[in-house]
N, C-alpha and C. Protein backbone atom coordinates (compact mmCIF):
# COMPACT_ATOMS: atom_id res chain seq x y z
N MET A 1 0.82 -1.18 -0.01
CA MET A 1 -0.02 0.02 0.01
C MET A 1 0.87 1.27 -0.03
N PHE A 2 0.57 2.18 -0.89
CA PHE A 2 1.36 3.40 -0.96
C PHE A 2 0.91 4.43 0.06
N ASN A 3 1.92 5.09 0.69
CA ASN A 3 1.67 6.06 1.71
C ASN A 3 1.61 7.49 1.09
N ALA A 4 0.40 7.80 0.63
CA ALA A 4 0.27 9.09 -0.04
C ALA A 4 0.53 10.28 0.91
N LYS A 5 0.14 10.07 2.12
CA LYS A 5 0.28 11.12 3.13
C LYS A 5 1.79 11.48 3.33
N LYS A 6 2.63 10.45 3.43
CA LYS A 6 4.06 10.67 3.60
C LYS A 6 4.66 11.33 2.38
N PHE A 7 4.22 10.83 1.19
CA PHE A 7 4.73 11.42 -0.09
C PHE A 7 4.39 12.91 -0.16
N ASN A 8 3.17 13.21 0.14
CA ASN A 8 2.78 14.66 0.06
C ASN A 8 3.51 15.51 1.10
N GLU A 9 3.73 14.92 2.28
CA GLU A 9 4.46 15.58 3.34
C GLU A 9 5.85 15.93 2.92
N ILE A 10 6.60 14.95 2.36
CA ILE A 10 7.94 15.23 1.90
C ILE A 10 7.99 16.15 0.72
N ASN A 11 7.03 15.92 -0.20
CA ASN A 11 7.01 16.79 -1.40
C ASN A 11 6.74 18.22 -1.04
N ASP A 12 5.80 18.46 -0.09
CA ASP A 12 5.47 19.85 0.37
C ASP A 12 6.74 20.44 1.05
N PHE A 13 7.44 19.66 1.84
CA PHE A 13 8.61 20.11 2.50
C PHE A 13 9.65 20.64 1.45
N LEU A 14 9.86 19.78 0.43
CA LEU A 14 10.86 20.18 -0.66
C LEU A 14 10.45 21.47 -1.30
N LYS A 15 9.17 21.62 -1.64
CA LYS A 15 8.65 22.88 -2.30
C LYS A 15 8.80 24.09 -1.41
N ASN A 16 8.46 23.89 -0.13
CA ASN A 16 8.53 24.99 0.82
C ASN A 16 9.93 25.42 1.20
N SER A 17 10.86 24.48 1.10
CA SER A 17 12.25 24.78 1.42
C SER A 17 13.07 25.17 0.18
N SER A 18 12.37 25.38 -0.93
CA SER A 18 13.00 25.71 -2.23
C SER A 18 14.07 24.71 -2.62
N ASN A 19 13.92 23.47 -2.17
CA ASN A 19 14.89 22.42 -2.51
C ASN A 19 14.41 21.80 -3.87
N SER A 20 15.31 21.68 -4.80
CA SER A 20 14.94 21.21 -6.17
C SER A 20 14.89 19.66 -6.30
N ALA A 21 15.21 19.00 -5.19
CA ALA A 21 15.30 17.55 -5.25
C ALA A 21 13.92 16.93 -5.65
N LYS A 22 13.99 15.91 -6.51
CA LYS A 22 12.81 15.19 -6.91
C LYS A 22 12.83 13.82 -6.24
N ILE A 23 11.64 13.33 -5.86
CA ILE A 23 11.50 12.04 -5.26
C ILE A 23 11.37 10.93 -6.32
N VAL A 24 12.26 9.94 -6.19
CA VAL A 24 12.17 8.75 -7.03
C VAL A 24 11.49 7.69 -6.09
N ALA A 25 10.26 7.35 -6.43
CA ALA A 25 9.54 6.37 -5.63
C ALA A 25 9.98 4.93 -6.00
N ILE A 26 10.71 4.33 -5.11
CA ILE A 26 11.38 2.97 -5.43
C ILE A 26 10.26 1.88 -5.24
N SER A 27 9.77 1.41 -6.34
CA SER A 27 8.64 0.47 -6.40
C SER A 27 9.10 -0.98 -6.63
N LYS A 28 10.33 -1.27 -6.54
CA LYS A 28 10.82 -2.61 -6.77
C LYS A 28 10.17 -3.56 -5.73
N ASN A 29 9.80 -4.71 -6.27
CA ASN A 29 9.17 -5.83 -5.42
C ASN A 29 7.75 -5.45 -4.90
N HIS A 30 7.25 -4.33 -5.40
CA HIS A 30 5.84 -3.99 -5.02
C HIS A 30 4.94 -4.18 -6.22
N PRO A 31 3.69 -4.56 -5.92
CA PRO A 31 2.74 -4.91 -7.00
C PRO A 31 2.22 -3.68 -7.79
N ILE A 32 1.70 -3.97 -8.96
CA ILE A 32 1.15 -2.89 -9.81
C ILE A 32 0.12 -2.09 -9.06
N GLU A 33 -0.68 -2.72 -8.22
CA GLU A 33 -1.73 -2.01 -7.46
C GLU A 33 -1.18 -0.84 -6.69
N SER A 34 -0.04 -1.02 -6.04
CA SER A 34 0.61 -0.03 -5.27
C SER A 34 1.13 1.12 -6.18
N ILE A 35 1.68 0.70 -7.36
CA ILE A 35 2.14 1.70 -8.28
C ILE A 35 0.98 2.57 -8.81
N LEU A 36 -0.12 1.96 -9.13
CA LEU A 36 -1.29 2.72 -9.58
C LEU A 36 -1.79 3.64 -8.48
N GLU A 37 -1.72 3.20 -7.25
CA GLU A 37 -2.12 4.05 -6.10
C GLU A 37 -1.18 5.28 -6.06
N ALA A 38 0.04 5.04 -6.22
CA ALA A 38 1.00 6.08 -6.26
C ALA A 38 0.79 7.09 -7.36
N ILE A 39 0.54 6.57 -8.59
CA ILE A 39 0.22 7.47 -9.71
C ILE A 39 -0.99 8.35 -9.46
N ASN A 40 -2.05 7.75 -8.84
CA ASN A 40 -3.22 8.49 -8.52
C ASN A 40 -2.97 9.53 -7.43
N SER A 41 -1.85 9.35 -6.70
CA SER A 41 -1.50 10.32 -5.61
C SER A 41 -0.52 11.34 -6.16
N GLY A 42 -0.23 11.37 -7.44
CA GLY A 42 0.57 12.37 -8.04
C GLY A 42 2.00 12.03 -8.30
N VAL A 43 2.36 10.75 -8.06
CA VAL A 43 3.78 10.26 -8.30
C VAL A 43 3.97 10.06 -9.78
N TYR A 44 5.03 10.56 -10.39
CA TYR A 44 5.26 10.18 -11.77
C TYR A 44 6.72 9.68 -12.01
N ILE A 45 7.56 9.73 -10.96
CA ILE A 45 8.98 9.20 -11.08
C ILE A 45 9.05 7.96 -10.21
N PHE A 46 9.36 6.84 -10.83
CA PHE A 46 9.54 5.52 -10.19
C PHE A 46 10.89 4.95 -10.43
N GLY A 47 11.34 4.22 -9.46
CA GLY A 47 12.63 3.50 -9.52
C GLY A 47 12.44 2.05 -9.42
N GLU A 48 13.10 1.28 -10.32
CA GLU A 48 13.11 -0.17 -10.31
C GLU A 48 14.55 -0.70 -10.34
N ASN A 49 14.77 -1.89 -9.78
CA ASN A 49 16.11 -2.43 -9.71
C ASN A 49 16.43 -3.49 -10.71
N ARG A 50 15.37 -4.07 -11.27
CA ARG A 50 15.61 -5.19 -12.23
C ARG A 50 14.85 -4.89 -13.57
N VAL A 51 15.55 -5.13 -14.64
CA VAL A 51 14.97 -4.84 -15.95
C VAL A 51 13.69 -5.58 -16.24
N GLN A 52 13.74 -6.90 -15.98
CA GLN A 52 12.58 -7.79 -16.34
C GLN A 52 11.39 -7.34 -15.50
N GLU A 53 11.56 -7.15 -14.22
CA GLU A 53 10.42 -6.78 -13.34
C GLU A 53 9.84 -5.44 -13.77
N ALA A 54 10.72 -4.51 -14.09
CA ALA A 54 10.28 -3.16 -14.55
C ALA A 54 9.49 -3.27 -15.85
N GLU A 55 9.99 -4.17 -16.79
CA GLU A 55 9.23 -4.34 -18.03
C GLU A 55 7.88 -4.91 -17.85
N ASP A 56 7.82 -5.92 -16.95
CA ASP A 56 6.48 -6.52 -16.70
C ASP A 56 5.50 -5.53 -16.10
N LYS A 57 5.99 -4.66 -15.23
CA LYS A 57 5.10 -3.77 -14.53
C LYS A 57 4.81 -2.44 -15.29
N PHE A 58 5.83 -1.92 -15.99
CA PHE A 58 5.72 -0.56 -16.47
C PHE A 58 5.55 -0.34 -17.97
N GLN A 59 5.69 -1.40 -18.76
CA GLN A 59 5.57 -1.23 -20.22
C GLN A 59 4.17 -0.67 -20.58
N LYS A 60 3.18 -1.25 -20.05
CA LYS A 60 1.81 -0.78 -20.35
C LYS A 60 1.50 0.53 -19.69
N ILE A 61 1.98 0.62 -18.41
CA ILE A 61 1.76 1.90 -17.66
C ILE A 61 2.32 3.14 -18.38
N LYS A 62 3.57 2.93 -18.89
CA LYS A 62 4.23 4.03 -19.62
C LYS A 62 3.51 4.36 -20.94
N GLN A 63 2.98 3.36 -21.58
CA GLN A 63 2.24 3.61 -22.84
C GLN A 63 0.99 4.42 -22.56
N ASN A 64 0.36 4.17 -21.42
CA ASN A 64 -0.86 4.89 -21.07
C ASN A 64 -0.61 6.22 -20.35
N ASN A 65 0.60 6.36 -19.82
CA ASN A 65 0.92 7.57 -19.07
C ASN A 65 2.23 8.15 -19.57
N PRO A 66 2.26 8.88 -20.58
CA PRO A 66 3.56 9.40 -21.20
C PRO A 66 4.41 10.23 -20.19
N LYS A 67 3.74 10.76 -19.15
CA LYS A 67 4.46 11.55 -18.16
C LYS A 67 5.37 10.72 -17.25
N ILE A 68 5.03 9.43 -17.14
CA ILE A 68 5.82 8.58 -16.19
C ILE A 68 7.23 8.52 -16.57
N GLU A 69 8.11 8.72 -15.62
CA GLU A 69 9.56 8.61 -15.75
C GLU A 69 10.08 7.45 -14.99
N LEU A 70 10.82 6.55 -15.66
CA LEU A 70 11.27 5.35 -15.02
C LEU A 70 12.76 5.33 -14.86
N HIS A 71 13.22 5.13 -13.63
CA HIS A 71 14.68 5.15 -13.30
C HIS A 71 15.15 3.76 -12.94
N LEU A 72 16.29 3.39 -13.49
CA LEU A 72 16.95 2.11 -13.11
C LEU A 72 17.91 2.48 -11.92
N THR A 73 17.59 1.89 -10.74
CA THR A 73 18.33 2.21 -9.57
C THR A 73 19.12 0.99 -9.00
N GLY A 74 19.13 -0.06 -9.83
CA GLY A 74 19.87 -1.29 -9.43
C GLY A 74 20.92 -1.65 -10.43
N PRO A 75 21.75 -2.69 -10.20
CA PRO A 75 22.75 -3.00 -11.12
C PRO A 75 22.26 -3.49 -12.45
N LEU A 76 22.99 -3.21 -13.50
CA LEU A 76 22.59 -3.57 -14.86
C LEU A 76 23.49 -4.62 -15.43
N GLN A 77 22.91 -5.64 -16.00
CA GLN A 77 23.77 -6.70 -16.67
C GLN A 77 23.91 -6.30 -18.12
N SER A 78 25.07 -6.70 -18.70
CA SER A 78 25.42 -6.23 -20.03
C SER A 78 24.38 -6.76 -21.10
N ASN A 79 23.84 -7.89 -20.88
CA ASN A 79 22.93 -8.46 -21.84
C ASN A 79 21.51 -7.83 -21.74
N LYS A 80 21.29 -6.97 -20.75
CA LYS A 80 19.98 -6.29 -20.59
C LYS A 80 20.07 -4.79 -20.99
N VAL A 81 21.23 -4.33 -21.44
CA VAL A 81 21.44 -2.89 -21.68
C VAL A 81 20.47 -2.44 -22.77
N LYS A 82 20.35 -3.16 -23.90
CA LYS A 82 19.56 -2.62 -24.98
C LYS A 82 18.03 -2.57 -24.64
N THR A 83 17.58 -3.57 -23.87
CA THR A 83 16.17 -3.55 -23.39
C THR A 83 16.00 -2.38 -22.47
N ALA A 84 16.97 -2.21 -21.57
CA ALA A 84 16.89 -1.16 -20.52
C ALA A 84 16.82 0.23 -21.12
N ILE A 85 17.61 0.45 -22.16
CA ILE A 85 17.66 1.75 -22.79
C ILE A 85 16.31 2.15 -23.40
N HIS A 86 15.60 1.18 -23.88
CA HIS A 86 14.26 1.48 -24.45
C HIS A 86 13.18 1.65 -23.44
N LEU A 87 13.43 1.14 -22.17
CA LEU A 87 12.45 1.17 -21.14
C LEU A 87 12.63 2.35 -20.14
N PHE A 88 13.93 2.57 -19.72
CA PHE A 88 14.19 3.49 -18.69
C PHE A 88 14.55 4.87 -19.23
N ASP A 89 14.30 5.90 -18.42
CA ASP A 89 14.66 7.30 -18.79
C ASP A 89 15.89 7.84 -18.08
N VAL A 90 16.14 7.26 -16.94
CA VAL A 90 17.38 7.65 -16.15
C VAL A 90 18.02 6.45 -15.58
N PHE A 91 19.34 6.43 -15.69
CA PHE A 91 20.18 5.29 -15.22
C PHE A 91 21.07 5.80 -14.01
N HIS A 92 20.88 5.23 -12.84
CA HIS A 92 21.62 5.67 -11.66
C HIS A 92 22.91 4.92 -11.42
N THR A 93 23.13 3.83 -12.15
CA THR A 93 24.16 2.87 -11.64
C THR A 93 25.18 2.42 -12.69
N LEU A 94 25.59 3.28 -13.54
CA LEU A 94 26.73 2.98 -14.44
C LEU A 94 27.92 2.74 -13.56
N ASP A 95 28.48 1.52 -13.57
CA ASP A 95 29.49 1.23 -12.55
C ASP A 95 30.76 0.55 -13.10
N ARG A 96 30.80 0.30 -14.41
CA ARG A 96 31.99 -0.41 -14.95
C ARG A 96 32.11 -0.27 -16.46
N GLU A 97 33.30 -0.54 -16.90
CA GLU A 97 33.67 -0.36 -18.32
C GLU A 97 32.75 -1.23 -19.24
N LYS A 98 32.50 -2.41 -18.89
CA LYS A 98 31.71 -3.35 -19.75
C LYS A 98 30.31 -2.75 -20.07
N ILE A 99 29.68 -2.17 -19.05
CA ILE A 99 28.40 -1.63 -19.22
C ILE A 99 28.46 -0.33 -20.12
N ALA A 100 29.52 0.41 -19.86
CA ALA A 100 29.73 1.64 -20.69
C ALA A 100 29.88 1.28 -22.17
N ARG A 101 30.59 0.27 -22.45
CA ARG A 101 30.82 -0.17 -23.85
C ARG A 101 29.52 -0.60 -24.46
N GLU A 102 28.62 -1.21 -23.70
CA GLU A 102 27.31 -1.64 -24.23
C GLU A 102 26.46 -0.39 -24.48
N PHE A 103 26.51 0.56 -23.54
CA PHE A 103 25.74 1.85 -23.74
C PHE A 103 26.21 2.52 -25.03
N SER A 104 27.49 2.56 -25.27
CA SER A 104 28.05 3.24 -26.39
C SER A 104 27.60 2.71 -27.75
N LYS A 105 27.04 1.48 -27.75
CA LYS A 105 26.52 0.87 -29.00
C LYS A 105 25.17 1.44 -29.37
N HIS A 106 24.58 2.16 -28.43
CA HIS A 106 23.17 2.67 -28.62
C HIS A 106 23.10 4.21 -28.38
N LEU A 107 24.06 4.90 -28.87
CA LEU A 107 24.13 6.35 -28.62
C LEU A 107 22.85 7.09 -29.11
N ASP A 108 22.37 6.69 -30.27
CA ASP A 108 21.19 7.37 -30.86
C ASP A 108 19.94 7.34 -29.88
N PHE A 109 19.89 6.24 -29.09
CA PHE A 109 18.72 6.07 -28.26
C PHE A 109 18.94 6.69 -26.85
N LEU A 110 20.12 7.23 -26.61
CA LEU A 110 20.47 7.82 -25.36
C LEU A 110 20.30 9.34 -25.34
N GLU A 111 19.97 9.90 -26.47
CA GLU A 111 19.92 11.37 -26.57
C GLU A 111 19.13 12.10 -25.50
N ASN A 112 18.01 11.53 -25.10
CA ASN A 112 17.14 12.17 -24.12
C ASN A 112 17.12 11.42 -22.73
N LYS A 113 18.20 10.60 -22.62
CA LYS A 113 18.28 9.84 -21.33
C LYS A 113 19.31 10.50 -20.42
N LYS A 114 19.27 10.20 -19.11
CA LYS A 114 20.22 10.72 -18.20
C LYS A 114 20.98 9.53 -17.57
N ILE A 115 22.28 9.67 -17.43
CA ILE A 115 23.16 8.62 -16.88
C ILE A 115 23.96 9.15 -15.68
N PHE A 116 23.89 8.43 -14.58
CA PHE A 116 24.65 8.77 -13.35
C PHE A 116 25.76 7.70 -13.21
N LEU A 117 26.94 8.15 -12.85
CA LEU A 117 28.02 7.24 -12.50
C LEU A 117 27.93 6.85 -11.03
N GLN A 118 27.90 5.55 -10.74
CA GLN A 118 27.84 5.07 -9.36
C GLN A 118 29.24 5.12 -8.83
N VAL A 119 29.43 5.77 -7.65
CA VAL A 119 30.73 5.85 -6.98
C VAL A 119 30.72 5.08 -5.68
N ASN A 120 31.62 4.24 -5.46
CA ASN A 120 31.72 3.41 -4.24
C ASN A 120 32.57 4.20 -3.24
N THR A 121 31.92 5.16 -2.59
CA THR A 121 32.61 6.15 -1.67
C THR A 121 33.20 5.41 -0.51
N GLY A 122 32.60 4.27 -0.11
CA GLY A 122 33.14 3.58 1.10
C GLY A 122 34.11 2.43 0.68
N LYS A 123 34.37 2.27 -0.63
CA LYS A 123 35.24 1.17 -1.07
C LYS A 123 34.87 -0.16 -0.56
N GLU A 124 33.58 -0.42 -0.52
CA GLU A 124 33.06 -1.70 -0.01
C GLU A 124 33.14 -2.75 -1.02
N LYS A 125 33.65 -3.91 -0.67
CA LYS A 125 33.76 -5.08 -1.60
C LYS A 125 32.42 -5.58 -2.05
N SER A 126 31.40 -5.35 -1.24
CA SER A 126 30.07 -5.93 -1.48
C SER A 126 29.28 -4.95 -2.44
N LYS A 127 29.84 -3.80 -2.71
CA LYS A 127 29.10 -2.80 -3.50
C LYS A 127 29.77 -2.53 -4.81
N SER A 128 28.92 -2.19 -5.81
CA SER A 128 29.41 -1.79 -7.18
C SER A 128 29.88 -0.33 -7.07
N GLY A 129 30.50 0.07 -8.13
CA GLY A 129 30.88 1.48 -8.24
C GLY A 129 32.30 1.74 -8.40
N ILE A 130 32.65 2.92 -8.98
CA ILE A 130 33.97 3.33 -9.21
C ILE A 130 34.53 3.94 -7.89
N PHE A 131 35.78 3.62 -7.57
CA PHE A 131 36.40 4.22 -6.34
C PHE A 131 36.60 5.76 -6.59
N PRO A 132 36.49 6.49 -5.51
CA PRO A 132 36.62 7.92 -5.69
C PRO A 132 37.85 8.40 -6.49
N GLU A 133 39.01 7.78 -6.18
CA GLU A 133 40.25 8.24 -6.87
C GLU A 133 40.28 7.91 -8.37
N ASP A 134 39.39 7.05 -8.83
CA ASP A 134 39.37 6.66 -10.22
C ASP A 134 38.27 7.41 -11.02
N VAL A 135 37.49 8.24 -10.38
CA VAL A 135 36.37 8.86 -10.97
C VAL A 135 36.81 9.82 -12.17
N LYS A 136 37.82 10.63 -12.01
CA LYS A 136 38.22 11.57 -12.98
C LYS A 136 38.61 10.78 -14.26
N ASP A 137 39.49 9.81 -14.14
CA ASP A 137 39.92 9.08 -15.34
C ASP A 137 38.79 8.33 -16.00
N PHE A 138 37.89 7.79 -15.19
CA PHE A 138 36.77 7.01 -15.76
C PHE A 138 35.84 7.97 -16.50
N LEU A 139 35.58 9.15 -15.93
CA LEU A 139 34.73 10.08 -16.63
C LEU A 139 35.36 10.50 -17.97
N PHE A 140 36.65 10.65 -17.99
CA PHE A 140 37.31 10.95 -19.25
C PHE A 140 37.17 9.88 -20.26
N PHE A 141 37.30 8.59 -19.84
CA PHE A 141 37.07 7.44 -20.72
C PHE A 141 35.64 7.44 -21.23
N LEU A 142 34.67 7.74 -20.39
CA LEU A 142 33.21 7.73 -20.80
C LEU A 142 32.99 8.80 -21.83
N LYS A 143 33.50 9.95 -21.60
CA LYS A 143 33.21 11.10 -22.44
C LYS A 143 33.98 11.02 -23.80
N VAL A 144 35.30 10.73 -23.74
CA VAL A 144 36.13 10.80 -24.88
C VAL A 144 36.05 9.53 -25.72
N GLU A 145 36.15 8.36 -25.07
CA GLU A 145 36.20 7.14 -25.83
C GLU A 145 34.76 6.52 -26.11
N MET A 146 33.92 6.68 -25.13
CA MET A 146 32.60 6.05 -25.28
C MET A 146 31.51 7.09 -25.78
N LYS A 147 31.88 8.33 -25.85
CA LYS A 147 30.99 9.37 -26.28
C LYS A 147 29.71 9.44 -25.50
N LEU A 148 29.83 9.13 -24.15
CA LEU A 148 28.63 9.15 -23.29
C LEU A 148 28.54 10.42 -22.47
N LYS A 149 27.37 10.93 -22.32
CA LYS A 149 27.20 12.16 -21.48
C LYS A 149 26.77 11.67 -20.07
N ILE A 150 27.55 12.06 -19.11
CA ILE A 150 27.24 11.74 -17.74
C ILE A 150 26.74 12.99 -16.96
N GLN A 151 25.47 12.87 -16.54
CA GLN A 151 24.84 14.06 -15.92
C GLN A 151 25.13 14.12 -14.43
N GLY A 152 25.37 13.03 -13.77
CA GLY A 152 25.44 13.03 -12.34
C GLY A 152 26.20 11.90 -11.68
N LEU A 153 26.38 11.99 -10.38
CA LEU A 153 27.07 10.95 -9.58
C LEU A 153 26.01 10.41 -8.60
N MET A 154 26.22 9.13 -8.30
CA MET A 154 25.31 8.45 -7.32
C MET A 154 26.19 7.66 -6.34
N CYS A 155 25.71 7.57 -5.08
CA CYS A 155 26.38 6.69 -4.11
C CYS A 155 25.38 6.09 -3.11
N ILE A 156 25.80 5.03 -2.50
CA ILE A 156 25.05 4.40 -1.41
C ILE A 156 26.04 4.29 -0.23
N PRO A 157 25.88 5.08 0.83
CA PRO A 157 26.88 5.08 1.95
C PRO A 157 26.92 3.69 2.62
N PRO A 158 28.01 3.36 3.22
CA PRO A 158 28.01 2.15 4.00
C PRO A 158 27.03 2.28 5.16
N ILE A 159 26.35 1.16 5.48
CA ILE A 159 25.29 1.18 6.46
C ILE A 159 25.67 1.58 7.83
N ASP A 160 26.95 1.38 8.21
CA ASP A 160 27.41 1.61 9.58
C ASP A 160 28.27 2.91 9.69
N GLU A 161 28.22 3.73 8.61
CA GLU A 161 28.94 4.99 8.67
C GLU A 161 28.05 6.18 8.52
N GLU A 162 28.52 7.40 8.94
CA GLU A 162 27.78 8.56 8.80
C GLU A 162 27.51 8.94 7.35
N PRO A 163 26.22 8.98 6.88
CA PRO A 163 26.03 9.17 5.48
C PRO A 163 26.45 10.54 5.01
N SER A 164 26.42 11.56 5.85
CA SER A 164 26.78 12.92 5.44
C SER A 164 28.23 12.96 4.96
N TYR A 165 29.07 12.15 5.56
CA TYR A 165 30.50 12.13 5.15
C TYR A 165 30.60 11.66 3.65
N HIS A 166 29.81 10.64 3.28
CA HIS A 166 29.88 10.15 1.95
C HIS A 166 29.19 11.07 0.93
N PHE A 167 28.08 11.69 1.37
CA PHE A 167 27.36 12.64 0.50
C PHE A 167 28.28 13.87 0.23
N SER A 168 29.07 14.29 1.24
CA SER A 168 29.97 15.36 1.09
C SER A 168 31.12 14.99 0.10
N LYS A 169 31.64 13.78 0.27
CA LYS A 169 32.67 13.31 -0.64
C LYS A 169 32.20 13.32 -2.09
N LEU A 170 30.96 12.87 -2.29
CA LEU A 170 30.41 12.80 -3.62
C LEU A 170 30.19 14.20 -4.22
N LYS A 171 29.71 15.11 -3.39
CA LYS A 171 29.49 16.51 -3.81
C LYS A 171 30.87 17.13 -4.25
N ILE A 172 31.90 16.85 -3.52
CA ILE A 172 33.23 17.38 -3.87
C ILE A 172 33.66 16.83 -5.19
N LEU A 173 33.51 15.52 -5.32
CA LEU A 173 33.89 14.84 -6.64
C LEU A 173 33.12 15.43 -7.81
N ALA A 174 31.86 15.71 -7.58
CA ALA A 174 31.02 16.25 -8.64
C ALA A 174 31.55 17.66 -9.02
N ASN A 175 31.83 18.51 -8.04
CA ASN A 175 32.31 19.84 -8.25
C ASN A 175 33.65 19.84 -9.05
N GLU A 176 34.52 18.87 -8.61
CA GLU A 176 35.87 18.81 -9.23
C GLU A 176 35.75 18.38 -10.71
N ASN A 177 34.66 17.69 -11.04
CA ASN A 177 34.56 17.17 -12.38
C ASN A 177 33.45 17.87 -13.20
N ASN A 178 33.07 19.02 -12.76
CA ASN A 178 32.02 19.85 -13.40
C ASN A 178 30.73 19.07 -13.70
N ILE A 179 30.31 18.34 -12.65
CA ILE A 179 29.05 17.56 -12.77
C ILE A 179 28.07 18.25 -11.82
N ASN A 180 26.80 18.45 -12.29
CA ASN A 180 25.88 19.24 -11.53
C ASN A 180 24.84 18.40 -10.72
N GLU A 181 24.69 17.13 -11.06
CA GLU A 181 23.59 16.43 -10.41
C GLU A 181 24.05 15.27 -9.50
N LEU A 182 23.31 15.08 -8.45
CA LEU A 182 23.58 14.05 -7.47
C LEU A 182 22.38 13.15 -7.23
N SER A 183 22.56 11.89 -7.15
CA SER A 183 21.48 10.92 -6.69
C SER A 183 21.87 10.36 -5.37
N ILE A 184 21.41 10.96 -4.29
CA ILE A 184 21.74 10.52 -2.96
C ILE A 184 20.55 10.57 -2.02
N GLY A 185 20.63 9.72 -0.96
CA GLY A 185 19.54 9.80 0.01
C GLY A 185 18.49 8.72 -0.23
N MET A 186 18.26 7.91 0.83
CA MET A 186 17.22 6.88 0.82
C MET A 186 16.30 7.08 1.99
N SER A 187 15.43 6.23 2.27
CA SER A 187 14.39 6.40 3.30
C SER A 187 15.01 6.75 4.65
N ASN A 188 16.16 6.16 4.93
CA ASN A 188 16.73 6.39 6.30
C ASN A 188 17.66 7.56 6.45
N ASP A 189 18.00 8.17 5.28
CA ASP A 189 19.01 9.25 5.39
C ASP A 189 18.73 10.40 4.41
N TYR A 190 17.52 10.45 3.85
CA TYR A 190 17.27 11.49 2.88
C TYR A 190 17.32 12.92 3.39
N GLU A 191 17.00 13.07 4.69
CA GLU A 191 17.04 14.40 5.31
C GLU A 191 18.43 14.96 5.31
N LYS A 192 19.41 14.08 5.52
CA LYS A 192 20.84 14.51 5.57
C LYS A 192 21.26 14.74 4.10
N ALA A 193 20.77 13.96 3.21
CA ALA A 193 21.14 14.07 1.77
C ALA A 193 20.70 15.51 1.25
N LEU A 194 19.56 15.97 1.77
CA LEU A 194 18.97 17.23 1.26
C LEU A 194 19.92 18.44 1.52
N GLN A 195 20.86 18.29 2.46
CA GLN A 195 21.78 19.38 2.74
C GLN A 195 22.79 19.55 1.61
N PHE A 196 22.90 18.57 0.71
CA PHE A 196 23.85 18.57 -0.35
C PHE A 196 23.27 18.84 -1.76
N ASP A 197 22.01 19.36 -1.75
CA ASP A 197 21.37 19.80 -2.95
C ASP A 197 21.30 18.71 -4.03
N PRO A 198 20.67 17.54 -3.72
CA PRO A 198 20.61 16.49 -4.72
C PRO A 198 19.61 16.78 -5.79
N THR A 199 19.76 16.10 -6.94
CA THR A 199 18.74 16.17 -7.93
C THR A 199 17.61 15.20 -7.60
N TYR A 200 18.02 13.98 -7.14
CA TYR A 200 17.08 12.93 -6.84
C TYR A 200 17.35 12.37 -5.43
N ILE A 201 16.26 12.06 -4.67
CA ILE A 201 16.37 11.23 -3.53
C ILE A 201 15.52 9.95 -3.81
N ARG A 202 15.97 8.82 -3.36
CA ARG A 202 15.39 7.55 -3.76
C ARG A 202 14.68 6.93 -2.59
N LEU A 203 13.36 7.02 -2.53
CA LEU A 203 12.56 6.64 -1.37
C LEU A 203 11.70 5.41 -1.69
N GLY A 204 11.99 4.36 -0.89
CA GLY A 204 11.22 3.15 -1.10
C GLY A 204 10.39 2.76 0.16
N THR A 205 11.04 2.29 1.17
CA THR A 205 10.36 1.77 2.41
C THR A 205 9.42 2.86 3.02
N ILE A 206 9.88 4.07 3.03
CA ILE A 206 9.08 5.12 3.66
C ILE A 206 7.78 5.43 2.93
N LEU A 207 7.75 5.07 1.59
CA LEU A 207 6.53 5.29 0.85
C LEU A 207 5.75 4.05 0.56
N PHE A 208 6.34 2.95 0.39
CA PHE A 208 5.62 1.68 0.05
C PHE A 208 5.62 0.68 1.18
N GLY A 209 6.38 0.92 2.24
CA GLY A 209 6.43 -0.06 3.29
C GLY A 209 7.52 -1.07 2.99
N LYS A 210 7.71 -2.01 3.93
CA LYS A 210 8.75 -3.06 3.72
C LYS A 210 8.28 -4.10 2.72
N ARG A 211 9.25 -4.61 1.99
CA ARG A 211 8.94 -5.60 0.95
C ARG A 211 8.96 -6.99 1.55
């Protein structure tokens, strides 16, 4: 069940605080009924983690609702890139060379899409993403060799560390590399993320409940 009250509360706060952050409602593992509830409550930006699940749920919804914006917020497999490009509008998790090379094969279809580079700010072995010290060189590779436009940076802070430290690190990296957009903040830390002027905050549990 979608929590429309909480969505409106956070949305109103963003508007009243002149914060330009947009809410990505993370609907992964939730049924179509909850998504339709969310749409009826004014949500038009959704995040999914798996290409197949997103295709099953959103293909018809997007056809009927051209305003719907679908974001991929989970890892992408190379054999799913072509399908994903036709389905998603924003990609939050470009995290390695192999995926970049697949993206570069479909440049014509990426004209109106947005791509974020995932940065592993905590250098966690269990997480995907480029290490902070490699971001500059990787961005150069993406731009010059792969001809990809990267609009933003994304990170997921280690669960046992202060998220603001990692958001700050990402903000500095973005400034150093002339990148304007950040995808930071989830249900448990979005209020701290808002201090760093993100483009997107990714809210799942707080809006849809636990999966």
